[in-house]
Amino acid sequence: MVRTPESNAEEKRAAGEAAAGMVRDGMVLGLGTGSTVAWTIKRIGEKVEEGLEVLGVPTSYQAQELAIAAGIPLTSLDQDPVLDLAIDGADQVSRDLIAIKGGGAAHAREKVVAASAQWFVVVADSTKLVGSLSHPVPVEVLPFAAKLAMSRIEELGGSPQIRQAKMKDGPVITDNGNFVIDADFGEIEDPGLLGTQLSEIPGVVEHGIFENVDELVVVIDGKVKTFRRE
């Protein structure tokens, strides 16, 4: 199959809308960040217009604005600490359902929302599905600890770079007021171990390795497929 921007966009739409089909009346939902899950949010909004009653917890300012535009009533983890379902995108996801997230610099909040959900679903186009993870791992870090974190990442065999903003001078600032370090480890042999090692670095708020994916919705060769954790 020859990939084009149009075919890639259509895969994202198909996967995102398919995940919206998992939503049931009365659910409290985690609403993720990114171009694929944006289609999920839009479709849920259409269902709300048709009479579906749900509440959403957005993972970022972007997700919040999309949800408001779609007409989805919002709540918070303070009000609803246990979510029925969380739906989010990914930068890369392996067939054994471990994902790397954080391309939108929202992975700290995304991980909190995912951990609060009884079922966590990742939506993706076929380019995100891989046999083994190799995408740089986003690491949210306190600005005060950035130099230390970069040094420790190098000791772990990674190549760290502070993510730079595109529309202003200086680093990307997360919704939490922190920096993001993109740490390239090449092919990651043991994502669980690497995640533990990154978490142990002083000043690290959260890393982008997600081991708690329950289900993957992905479009392959034009067809929506699902992979569930056994």
C-alpha atoms as a PDB file:
ATOM      1  CA  MET A   1       0.000   0.000   0.000  1.00  0.00           C
ATOM      2  CA  VAL A   2       1.346   3.431  -1.017  1.00  0.00           C
ATOM      3  CA  ARG A   3       0.934   5.803   1.912  1.00  0.00           C
ATOM      4  CA  THR A   4      -0.186   9.386   1.373  1.00  0.00           C
ATOM      5  CA  PRO A   5      -1.097  12.151   3.818  1.00  0.00           C
ATOM      6  CA  GLU A   6      -4.727  11.517   2.861  1.00  0.00           C
ATOM      7  CA  SER A   7      -4.587   7.784   3.606  1.00  0.00           C
ATOM      8  CA  ASN A   8      -2.828   8.429   6.910  1.00  0.00           C
ATOM      9  CA  ALA A   9      -5.478  10.968   7.893  1.00  0.00           C
ATOM     10  CA  GLU A  10      -8.240   8.538   6.953  1.00  0.00           C
ATOM     11  CA  GLU A  11      -6.686   5.815   9.131  1.00  0.00           C
ATOM     12  CA  LYS A  12      -6.595   8.211  12.066  1.00  0.00           C
ATOM     13  CA  ARG A  13     -10.212   9.118  11.544  1.00  0.00           C
ATOM     14  CA  ALA A  14     -11.324   5.486  11.247  1.00  0.00           C
ATOM     15  CA  ALA A  15      -9.454   4.408  14.387  1.00  0.00           C
ATOM     16  CA  GLY A  16     -10.615   7.416  16.387  1.00  0.00           C
ATOM     17  CA  GLU A  17     -14.256   7.006  15.434  1.00  0.00           C
ATOM     18  CA  ALA A  18     -14.151   3.254  16.067  1.00  0.00           C
ATOM     19  CA  ALA A  19     -12.995   3.869  19.641  1.00  0.00           C
ATOM     20  CA  ALA A  20     -15.927   6.216  20.163  1.00  0.00           C
ATOM     21  CA  GLY A  21     -18.136   3.186  19.578  1.00  0.00           C
ATOM     22  CA  MET A  22     -16.941   1.767  22.916  1.00  0.00           C
ATOM     23  CA  VAL A  23     -18.566   4.604  24.844  1.00  0.00           C
ATOM     24  CA  ARG A  24     -21.777   3.765  26.696  1.00  0.00           C
ATOM     25  CA  ASP A  25     -24.418   5.944  28.322  1.00  0.00           C
ATOM     26  CA  GLY A  26     -23.476   7.126  31.805  1.00  0.00           C
ATOM     27  CA  MET A  27     -19.722   6.654  31.418  1.00  0.00           C
ATOM     28  CA  VAL A  28     -17.070   8.987  32.808  1.00  0.00           C
ATOM     29  CA  LEU A  29     -14.343   9.211  30.179  1.00  0.00           C
ATOM     30  CA  GLY A  30     -10.680  10.123  29.995  1.00  0.00           C
ATOM     31  CA  LEU A  31     -10.174  12.222  26.868  1.00  0.00           C
ATOM     32  CA  GLY A  32      -6.681  12.043  25.440  1.00  0.00           C
ATOM     33  CA  THR A  33      -4.546  14.374  23.360  1.00  0.00           C
ATOM     34  CA  GLY A  34      -3.503  14.184  19.722  1.00  0.00           C
ATOM     35  CA  SER A  35      -4.700  14.094  16.119  1.00  0.00           C
ATOM     36  CA  THR A  36      -6.202  10.583  16.231  1.00  0.00           C
ATOM     37  CA  VAL A  37      -8.115  10.870  19.491  1.00  0.00           C
ATOM     38  CA  ALA A  38      -9.386  14.248  18.288  1.00  0.00           C
ATOM     39  CA  TRP A  39     -11.663  12.237  15.975  1.00  0.00           C
ATOM     40  CA  THR A  40     -12.840  10.238  18.982  1.00  0.00           C
ATOM     41  CA  ILE A  41     -13.747  13.406  20.848  1.00  0.00           C
ATOM     42  CA  LYS A  42     -15.591  14.799  17.840  1.00  0.00           C
ATOM     43  CA  ARG A  43     -17.610  11.589  17.402  1.00  0.00           C
ATOM     44  CA  ILE A  44     -18.457  11.420  21.120  1.00  0.00           C
ATOM     45  CA  GLY A  45     -19.694  14.987  20.828  1.00  0.00           C
ATOM     46  CA  GLU A  46     -22.002  13.937  17.997  1.00  0.00           C
ATOM     47  CA  LYS A  47     -23.355  11.141  20.183  1.00  0.00           C
ATOM     48  CA  VAL A  48     -23.940  13.642  22.996  1.00  0.00           C
ATOM     49  CA  GLU A  49     -26.013  15.728  20.592  1.00  0.00           C
ATOM     50  CA  GLU A  50     -28.015  12.562  19.882  1.00  0.00           C
ATOM     51  CA  GLY A  51     -28.758  12.098  23.589  1.00  0.00           C
ATOM     52  CA  LEU A  52     -25.735  10.225  25.007  1.00  0.00           C
ATOM     53  CA  GLU A  53     -25.005  11.224  28.606  1.00  0.00           C
ATOM     54  CA  VAL A  54     -21.316  11.131  29.530  1.00  0.00           C
ATOM     55  CA  LEU A  55     -18.745  13.194  31.388  1.00  0.00           C
ATOM     56  CA  GLY A  56     -15.194  13.788  30.214  1.00  0.00           C
ATOM     57  CA  VAL A  57     -11.867  14.384  31.951  1.00  0.00           C
ATOM     58  CA  PRO A  58      -9.457  16.025  29.463  1.00  0.00           C
ATOM     59  CA  THR A  59      -5.731  15.317  29.651  1.00  0.00           C
ATOM     60  CA  SER A  60      -4.592  18.695  28.313  1.00  0.00           C
ATOM     61  CA  TYR A  61      -5.698  22.194  27.405  1.00  0.00           C
ATOM     62  CA  GLN A  62      -6.009  21.023  23.792  1.00  0.00           C
ATOM     63  CA  ALA A  63      -8.271  18.101  24.738  1.00  0.00           C
ATOM     64  CA  GLN A  64     -10.319  20.392  26.948  1.00  0.00           C
ATOM     65  CA  GLU A  65     -10.916  22.871  24.130  1.00  0.00           C
ATOM     66  CA  LEU A  66     -11.857  20.092  21.695  1.00  0.00           C
ATOM     67  CA  ALA A  67     -14.282  18.600  24.211  1.00  0.00           C
ATOM     68  CA  ILE A  68     -15.918  21.963  24.900  1.00  0.00           C
ATOM     69  CA  ALA A  69     -16.274  22.609  21.166  1.00  0.00           C
ATOM     70  CA  ALA A  70     -17.826  19.145  20.755  1.00  0.00           C
ATOM     71  CA  GLY A  71     -20.332  19.806  23.531  1.00  0.00           C
ATOM     72  CA  ILE A  72     -19.057  17.131  25.925  1.00  0.00           C
ATOM     73  CA  PRO A  73     -19.779  17.984  29.605  1.00  0.00           C
ATOM     74  CA  LEU A  74     -16.579  17.995  31.624  1.00  0.00           C
ATOM     75  CA  THR A  75     -15.649  16.896  35.113  1.00  0.00           C
ATOM     76  CA  SER A  76     -12.389  16.372  37.023  1.00  0.00           C
ATOM     77  CA  LEU A  77     -10.575  13.591  38.830  1.00  0.00           C
ATOM     78  CA  ASP A  78     -11.360  15.406  42.087  1.00  0.00           C
ATOM     79  CA  GLN A  79     -15.063  14.964  41.356  1.00  0.00           C
ATOM     80  CA  ASP A  80     -14.851  11.596  39.589  1.00  0.00           C
ATOM     81  CA  PRO A  81     -11.635   9.814  40.613  1.00  0.00           C
ATOM     82  CA  VAL A  82     -12.536   6.500  38.917  1.00  0.00           C
ATOM     83  CA  LEU A  83     -13.086   6.602  35.151  1.00  0.00           C
ATOM     84  CA  ASP A  84     -14.939   3.961  33.173  1.00  0.00           C
ATOM     85  CA  LEU A  85     -12.840   4.349  30.034  1.00  0.00           C
ATOM     86  CA  ALA A  86      -9.848   6.391  28.869  1.00  0.00           C
ATOM     87  CA  ILE A  87      -9.039   6.811  25.179  1.00  0.00           C
ATOM     88  CA  ASP A  88      -5.758   8.268  23.963  1.00  0.00           C
ATOM     89  CA  GLY A  89      -3.311   8.253  21.081  1.00  0.00           C
ATOM     90  CA  ALA A  90       0.332   7.189  20.966  1.00  0.00           C
ATOM     91  CA  ASP A  91       3.609   8.032  19.252  1.00  0.00           C
ATOM     92  CA  GLN A  92       4.390   4.332  18.962  1.00  0.00           C
ATOM     93  CA  VAL A  93       2.845   1.128  20.278  1.00  0.00           C
ATOM     94  CA  SER A  94       4.143  -2.437  20.216  1.00  0.00           C
ATOM     95  CA  ARG A  95       2.111  -5.562  19.531  1.00  0.00           C
ATOM     96  CA  ASP A  96       2.457  -6.533  23.182  1.00  0.00           C
ATOM     97  CA  LEU A  97       0.579  -3.311  24.044  1.00  0.00           C
ATOM     98  CA  ILE A  98       3.294  -1.097  25.452  1.00  0.00           C
ATOM     99  CA  ALA A  99       3.130   2.467  24.175  1.00  0.00           C
ATOM    100  CA  ILE A 100       5.355   5.518  23.993  1.00  0.00           C
ATOM    101  CA  LYS A 101       3.418   8.742  24.425  1.00  0.00           C
ATOM    102  CA  GLY A 102       4.207  12.392  24.949  1.00  0.00           C
ATOM    103  CA  GLY A 103       4.523  13.905  21.501  1.00  0.00           C
ATOM    104  CA  GLY A 104       2.047  16.527  22.667  1.00  0.00           C
ATOM    105  CA  ALA A 105       3.926  17.030  25.962  1.00  0.00           C
ATOM    106  CA  ALA A 106       0.852  15.896  27.929  1.00  0.00           C
ATOM    107  CA  HIS A 107       2.044  12.434  29.007  1.00  0.00           C
ATOM    108  CA  ALA A 108       2.174  13.149  32.749  1.00  0.00           C
ATOM    109  CA  ARG A 109      -1.526  14.000  32.872  1.00  0.00           C
ATOM    110  CA  GLU A 110      -2.295  11.305  30.314  1.00  0.00           C
ATOM    111  CA  LYS A 111      -0.697   8.697  32.555  1.00  0.00           C
ATOM    112  CA  VAL A 112      -2.672   9.857  35.591  1.00  0.00           C
ATOM    113  CA  VAL A 113      -5.913   9.679  33.606  1.00  0.00           C
ATOM    114  CA  ALA A 114      -5.042   6.266  32.137  1.00  0.00           C
ATOM    115  CA  ALA A 115      -4.223   4.907  35.604  1.00  0.00           C
ATOM    116  CA  SER A 116      -7.556   6.214  36.886  1.00  0.00           C
ATOM    117  CA  ALA A 117      -9.518   4.309  34.232  1.00  0.00           C
ATOM    118  CA  GLN A 118     -10.913   0.809  34.469  1.00  0.00           C
ATOM    119  CA  TRP A 119     -10.122   0.307  30.766  1.00  0.00           C
ATOM    120  CA  PHE A 120      -7.423   2.150  28.786  1.00  0.00           C
ATOM    121  CA  VAL A 121      -7.622   2.201  24.993  1.00  0.00           C
ATOM    122  CA  VAL A 122      -5.015   3.518  22.547  1.00  0.00           C
ATOM    123  CA  VAL A 123      -6.054   4.587  19.050  1.00  0.00           C
ATOM    124  CA  ALA A 124      -3.504   4.690  16.241  1.00  0.00           C
ATOM    125  CA  ASP A 125      -2.866   4.561  12.528  1.00  0.00           C
ATOM    126  CA  SER A 126      -0.771   1.721  11.126  1.00  0.00           C
ATOM    127  CA  THR A 127       2.483   3.713  11.144  1.00  0.00           C
ATOM    128  CA  LYS A 128       2.451   3.679  14.970  1.00  0.00           C
ATOM    129  CA  LEU A 129       2.300  -0.127  15.340  1.00  0.00           C
ATOM    130  CA  VAL A 130       5.751  -1.758  15.648  1.00  0.00           C
ATOM    131  CA  GLY A 131       7.354  -5.013  16.699  1.00  0.00           C
ATOM    132  CA  SER A 132       9.656  -3.311  19.195  1.00  0.00           C
ATOM    133  CA  LEU A 133       9.700   0.244  20.519  1.00  0.00           C
ATOM    134  CA  SER A 134      12.332   2.666  19.242  1.00  0.00           C
ATOM    135  CA  HIS A 135      10.710   6.102  19.440  1.00  0.00           C
ATOM    136  CA  PRO A 136      12.485   8.686  21.643  1.00  0.00           C
ATOM    137  CA  VAL A 137      10.959   8.631  25.116  1.00  0.00           C
ATOM    138  CA  PRO A 138       9.522  11.969  26.283  1.00  0.00           C
ATOM    139  CA  VAL A 139      10.526  12.724  29.872  1.00  0.00           C
ATOM    140  CA  GLU A 140       8.824  15.564  31.740  1.00  0.00           C
ATOM    141  CA  VAL A 141      11.252  17.087  34.197  1.00  0.00           C
ATOM    142  CA  LEU A 142      11.409  19.992  36.628  1.00  0.00           C
ATOM    143  CA  PRO A 143      13.411  22.799  34.946  1.00  0.00           C
ATOM    144  CA  PHE A 144      15.681  22.914  38.015  1.00  0.00           C
ATOM    145  CA  ALA A 145      16.607  19.256  37.438  1.00  0.00           C
ATOM    146  CA  ALA A 146      17.023  19.288  33.641  1.00  0.00           C
ATOM    147  CA  LYS A 147      20.835  19.077  33.591  1.00  0.00           C
ATOM    148  CA  LEU A 148      20.911  16.272  36.158  1.00  0.00           C
ATOM    149  CA  ALA A 149      18.234  14.341  34.286  1.00  0.00           C
ATOM    150  CA  MET A 150      20.098  14.664  30.988  1.00  0.00           C
ATOM    151  CA  SER A 151      23.276  13.383  32.615  1.00  0.00           C
ATOM    152  CA  ARG A 152      21.484  10.382  34.134  1.00  0.00           C
ATOM    153  CA  ILE A 153      19.772   9.607  30.820  1.00  0.00           C
ATOM    154  CA  GLU A 154      23.183   9.536  29.131  1.00  0.00           C
ATOM    155  CA  GLU A 155      24.396   7.110  31.805  1.00  0.00           C
ATOM    156  CA  LEU A 156      21.469   4.847  30.852  1.00  0.00           C
ATOM    157  CA  GLY A 157      22.633   4.878  27.243  1.00  0.00           C
ATOM    158  CA  GLY A 158      20.248   7.515  25.944  1.00  0.00           C
ATOM    159  CA  SER A 159      20.760  10.633  23.871  1.00  0.00           C
ATOM    160  CA  PRO A 160      18.731  13.436  25.514  1.00  0.00           C
ATOM    161  CA  GLN A 161      17.559  16.724  24.030  1.00  0.00           C
ATOM    162  CA  ILE A 162      15.383  19.379  25.623  1.00  0.00           C
ATOM    163  CA  ARG A 163      12.396  19.821  23.328  1.00  0.00           C
ATOM    164  CA  GLN A 164      12.344  23.276  21.783  1.00  0.00           C
ATOM    165  CA  ALA A 165       9.197  25.256  21.042  1.00  0.00           C
ATOM    166  CA  LYS A 166       8.345  25.941  17.400  1.00  0.00           C
ATOM    167  CA  MET A 167       6.546  29.262  17.736  1.00  0.00           C
ATOM    168  CA  LYS A 168       8.755  30.885  20.386  1.00  0.00           C
ATOM    169  CA  ASP A 169      12.344  30.876  21.548  1.00  0.00           C
ATOM    170  CA  GLY A 170      13.223  28.405  24.262  1.00  0.00           C
ATOM    171  CA  PRO A 171      11.939  25.049  25.520  1.00  0.00           C
ATOM    172  CA  VAL A 172       8.460  23.601  25.308  1.00  0.00           C
ATOM    173  CA  ILE A 173       6.639  24.209  28.595  1.00  0.00           C
ATOM    174  CA  THR A 174       4.098  21.579  29.659  1.00  0.00           C
ATOM    175  CA  ASP A 175       0.682  22.310  31.166  1.00  0.00           C
ATOM    176  CA  ASN A 176       2.418  21.591  34.496  1.00  0.00           C
ATOM    177  CA  GLY A 177       5.112  24.235  33.921  1.00  0.00           C
ATOM    178  CA  ASN A 178       7.943  21.790  33.235  1.00  0.00           C
ATOM    179  CA  PHE A 179      10.432  20.934  30.453  1.00  0.00           C
ATOM    180  CA  VAL A 180      10.304  17.894  28.195  1.00  0.00           C
ATOM    181  CA  ILE A 181      13.448  15.923  27.411  1.00  0.00           C
ATOM    182  CA  ASP A 182      13.258  13.634  24.386  1.00  0.00           C
ATOM    183  CA  ALA A 183      15.525  10.679  25.196  1.00  0.00           C
ATOM    184  CA  ASP A 184      16.567   8.507  22.246  1.00  0.00           C
ATOM    185  CA  PHE A 185      17.621   4.989  23.274  1.00  0.00           C
ATOM    186  CA  GLY A 186      17.353   3.389  19.826  1.00  0.00           C
ATOM    187  CA  GLU A 187      15.572   0.051  20.010  1.00  0.00           C
ATOM    188  CA  ILE A 188      14.329  -0.467  23.561  1.00  0.00           C
ATOM    189  CA  GLU A 189      14.906  -4.039  24.670  1.00  0.00           C
ATOM    190  CA  ASP A 190      13.171  -3.806  28.054  1.00  0.00           C
ATOM    191  CA  PRO A 191      10.665  -0.917  28.222  1.00  0.00           C
ATOM    192  CA  GLY A 192       9.574  -1.818  31.751  1.00  0.00           C
ATOM    193  CA  LEU A 193      13.100  -1.668  33.127  1.00  0.00           C
ATOM    194  CA  LEU A 194      13.837   1.578  31.301  1.00  0.00           C
ATOM    195  CA  GLY A 195      10.647   3.106  32.676  1.00  0.00           C
ATOM    196  CA  THR A 196      11.664   2.189  36.211  1.00  0.00           C
ATOM    197  CA  GLN A 197      15.141   3.640  35.708  1.00  0.00           C
ATOM    198  CA  LEU A 198      13.763   6.908  34.339  1.00  0.00           C
ATOM    199  CA  SER A 199      11.316   7.231  37.226  1.00  0.00           C
ATOM    200  CA  GLU A 200      14.189   6.948  39.700  1.00  0.00           C
ATOM    201  CA  ILE A 201      15.955  10.062  38.357  1.00  0.00           C
ATOM    202  CA  PRO A 202      15.479  12.961  40.799  1.00  0.00           C
ATOM    203  CA  GLY A 203      13.364  15.719  39.282  1.00  0.00           C
ATOM    204  CA  VAL A 204      11.631  13.522  36.705  1.00  0.00           C
ATOM    205  CA  VAL A 205       7.879  14.097  36.874  1.00  0.00           C
ATOM    206  CA  GLU A 206       6.875  11.364  34.416  1.00  0.00           C
ATOM    207  CA  HIS A 207       8.146   9.457  31.380  1.00  0.00           C
ATOM    208  CA  GLY A 208       6.266   8.438  28.253  1.00  0.00           C
ATOM    209  CA  ILE A 209       6.423   4.636  28.528  1.00  0.00           C
ATOM    210  CA  PHE A 210       2.902   3.287  29.142  1.00  0.00           C
ATOM    211  CA  GLU A 211       2.678  -0.372  30.158  1.00  0.00           C
ATOM    212  CA  ASN A 212      -1.020  -0.343  31.112  1.00  0.00           C
ATOM    213  CA  VAL A 213      -2.668  -0.347  27.663  1.00  0.00           C
ATOM    214  CA  ASP A 214      -5.697  -2.682  27.774  1.00  0.00           C
ATOM    215  CA  GLU A 215      -6.725  -2.409  24.140  1.00  0.00           C
ATOM    216  CA  LEU A 216      -5.346  -1.048  20.872  1.00  0.00           C
ATOM    217  CA  VAL A 217      -7.598   0.149  18.052  1.00  0.00           C
ATOM    218  CA  VAL A 218      -5.571   0.443  14.844  1.00  0.00           C
ATOM    219  CA  VAL A 219      -6.299   0.620  11.126  1.00  0.00           C
ATOM    220  CA  ILE A 220      -4.301  -1.872   9.030  1.00  0.00           C
ATOM    221  CA  ASP A 221      -4.794  -2.159   5.257  1.00  0.00           C
ATOM    222  CA  GLY A 222      -7.915  -0.047   5.534  1.00  0.00           C
ATOM    223  CA  LYS A 223      -9.553  -2.192   8.197  1.00  0.00           C
ATOM    224  CA  VAL A 224     -10.079  -1.431  11.869  1.00  0.00           C
ATOM    225  CA  LYS A 225      -8.444  -4.072  14.062  1.00  0.00           C
ATOM    226  CA  THR A 226      -8.299  -4.420  17.815  1.00  0.00           C
ATOM    227  CA  PHE A 227      -5.700  -6.028  20.052  1.00  0.00           C
ATOM    228  CA  ARG A 228      -6.590  -6.781  23.666  1.00  0.00           C
ATOM    229  CA  ARG A 229      -4.376  -7.543  26.600  1.00  0.00           C
ATOM    230  CA  GLU A 230      -4.849 -11.165  27.639  1.00  0.00           C
END
